[in-house]
């Protein structure tokens, strides 16, 4: 997702191993749940990690690319990208 884009969490990916399972549990504890909205606030240098996302319009989290890849989202139709 580009910086400023908003999306709705559709689901979390199935864990492939114990490490993914632990990351998914932590994401769930933080509130990364289906139906929540997320917005990309910032990306690391040259589009790399970390990726800063705002969850539900209130809390901001920095995610590594591997963590972000576990969160499956659907862009919000008609939503304008905010700089």
C-alpha atoms as a PDB file:
ATOM      1  CA  UNK A   1       0.000   0.000   0.000  1.00  0.00           C
ATOM      2  CA  UNK A   2       1.262   3.505  -0.716  1.00  0.00           C
ATOM      3  CA  UNK A   3       1.852   6.039   2.027  1.00  0.00           C
ATOM      4  CA  UNK A   4      -1.433   7.661   3.096  1.00  0.00           C
ATOM      5  CA  UNK A   5      -3.578   4.819   1.752  1.00  0.00           C
ATOM      6  CA  UNK A   6      -6.345   3.429   3.942  1.00  0.00           C
ATOM      7  CA  UNK A   7      -7.646  -0.112   3.966  1.00  0.00           C
ATOM      8  CA  UNK A   8      -9.841  -2.468   5.941  1.00  0.00           C
ATOM      9  CA  UNK A   9      -8.347  -5.610   7.470  1.00  0.00           C
ATOM     10  CA  UNK A  10      -9.998  -8.616   5.825  1.00  0.00           C
ATOM     11  CA  UNK A  11      -8.189 -11.385   7.671  1.00  0.00           C
ATOM     12  CA  UNK A  12      -4.864 -12.500   9.061  1.00  0.00           C
ATOM     13  CA  UNK A  13      -2.767 -15.011   7.141  1.00  0.00           C
ATOM     14  CA  UNK A  14      -2.422 -18.593   8.340  1.00  0.00           C
ATOM     15  CA  UNK A  15       0.793 -19.055  10.299  1.00  0.00           C
ATOM     16  CA  UNK A  16       3.381 -21.120   8.464  1.00  0.00           C
ATOM     17  CA  UNK A  17       5.511 -21.786  11.528  1.00  0.00           C
ATOM     18  CA  UNK A  18       5.814 -21.068  15.240  1.00  0.00           C
ATOM     19  CA  UNK A  19       7.435 -17.682  14.615  1.00  0.00           C
ATOM     20  CA  UNK A  20       4.475 -16.577  12.459  1.00  0.00           C
ATOM     21  CA  UNK A  21       2.064 -17.855  15.111  1.00  0.00           C
ATOM     22  CA  UNK A  22       3.744 -15.714  17.780  1.00  0.00           C
ATOM     23  CA  UNK A  23       3.708 -12.641  15.519  1.00  0.00           C
ATOM     24  CA  UNK A  24       0.018 -13.189  14.717  1.00  0.00           C
ATOM     25  CA  UNK A  25      -0.871 -13.485  18.394  1.00  0.00           C
ATOM     26  CA  UNK A  26       0.927 -10.211  19.093  1.00  0.00           C
ATOM     27  CA  UNK A  27      -0.845  -8.475  16.192  1.00  0.00           C
ATOM     28  CA  UNK A  28      -4.202  -9.698  17.518  1.00  0.00           C
ATOM     29  CA  UNK A  29      -3.328  -8.425  21.007  1.00  0.00           C
ATOM     30  CA  UNK A  30      -2.544  -5.009  19.491  1.00  0.00           C
ATOM     31  CA  UNK A  31      -5.930  -4.896  17.751  1.00  0.00           C
ATOM     32  CA  UNK A  32      -5.145  -5.963  14.189  1.00  0.00           C
ATOM     33  CA  UNK A  33      -8.518  -7.629  13.702  1.00  0.00           C
ATOM     34  CA  UNK A  34     -10.846  -8.111  10.723  1.00  0.00           C
ATOM     35  CA  UNK A  35     -12.980  -5.022  10.155  1.00  0.00           C
ATOM     36  CA  UNK A  36     -10.460  -2.542  11.600  1.00  0.00           C
ATOM     37  CA  UNK A  37      -9.138   0.209   9.370  1.00  0.00           C
ATOM     38  CA  UNK A  38      -5.442   0.841   8.841  1.00  0.00           C
ATOM     39  CA  UNK A  39      -3.586   3.677   7.144  1.00  0.00           C
ATOM     40  CA  UNK A  40       0.042   3.699   6.062  1.00  0.00           C
ATOM     41  CA  UNK A  41       1.580   6.704   7.830  1.00  0.00           C
ATOM     42  CA  UNK A  42       5.213   6.296   6.774  1.00  0.00           C
ATOM     43  CA  UNK A  43       7.665   3.860   5.272  1.00  0.00           C
ATOM     44  CA  UNK A  44      11.325   3.376   5.974  1.00  0.00           C
ATOM     45  CA  UNK A  45      14.001   4.791   3.750  1.00  0.00           C
ATOM     46  CA  UNK A  46      13.493   3.929   0.066  1.00  0.00           C
ATOM     47  CA  UNK A  47      10.171   2.233   0.864  1.00  0.00           C
ATOM     48  CA  UNK A  48      11.755  -0.331   3.157  1.00  0.00           C
ATOM     49  CA  UNK A  49      10.894  -1.298   6.690  1.00  0.00           C
ATOM     50  CA  UNK A  50       9.675  -0.356   9.117  1.00  0.00           C
ATOM     51  CA  UNK A  51       6.201   0.542   7.917  1.00  0.00           C
ATOM     52  CA  UNK A  52       4.286   2.863  10.268  1.00  0.00           C
ATOM     53  CA  UNK A  53       0.553   2.189  10.245  1.00  0.00           C
ATOM     54  CA  UNK A  54      -2.273   3.875  12.116  1.00  0.00           C
ATOM     55  CA  UNK A  55      -4.778   1.352  13.418  1.00  0.00           C
ATOM     56  CA  UNK A  56      -8.379   2.483  13.770  1.00  0.00           C
ATOM     57  CA  UNK A  57      -7.407   6.151  13.519  1.00  0.00           C
ATOM     58  CA  UNK A  58      -5.823   6.238  16.974  1.00  0.00           C
ATOM     59  CA  UNK A  59      -2.808   4.019  17.584  1.00  0.00           C
ATOM     60  CA  UNK A  60       0.317   3.997  15.440  1.00  0.00           C
ATOM     61  CA  UNK A  61       2.570   0.964  15.135  1.00  0.00           C
ATOM     62  CA  UNK A  62       5.803   0.236  13.281  1.00  0.00           C
ATOM     63  CA  UNK A  63       5.726  -3.121  11.524  1.00  0.00           C
ATOM     64  CA  UNK A  64       8.446  -5.070   9.802  1.00  0.00           C
ATOM     65  CA  UNK A  65       7.632  -6.205   6.278  1.00  0.00           C
ATOM     66  CA  UNK A  66       7.241  -9.811   7.495  1.00  0.00           C
ATOM     67  CA  UNK A  67       4.705  -8.711  10.132  1.00  0.00           C
ATOM     68  CA  UNK A  68       2.773  -6.512   7.707  1.00  0.00           C
ATOM     69  CA  UNK A  69       2.619  -9.363   5.186  1.00  0.00           C
ATOM     70  CA  UNK A  70       0.540 -11.374   7.663  1.00  0.00           C
ATOM     71  CA  UNK A  71      -2.230  -8.739   7.651  1.00  0.00           C
ATOM     72  CA  UNK A  72      -4.478  -9.079   4.578  1.00  0.00           C
ATOM     73  CA  UNK A  73      -6.294  -5.880   3.680  1.00  0.00           C
ATOM     74  CA  UNK A  74      -8.769  -4.530   1.146  1.00  0.00           C
ATOM     75  CA  UNK A  75      -8.281  -0.915   0.009  1.00  0.00           C
ATOM     76  CA  UNK A  76     -11.194   1.355   0.893  1.00  0.00           C
ATOM     77  CA  UNK A  77     -12.943   2.245  -2.374  1.00  0.00           C
ATOM     78  CA  UNK A  78     -13.049   5.942  -3.182  1.00  0.00           C
ATOM     79  CA  UNK A  79     -10.688   6.819  -0.352  1.00  0.00           C
ATOM     80  CA  UNK A  80      -8.296   9.630  -1.267  1.00  0.00           C
ATOM     81  CA  UNK A  81      -4.616   9.124  -0.447  1.00  0.00           C
ATOM     82  CA  UNK A  82      -3.617  11.628   2.227  1.00  0.00           C
ATOM     83  CA  UNK A  83      -0.041  12.886   2.314  1.00  0.00           C
END
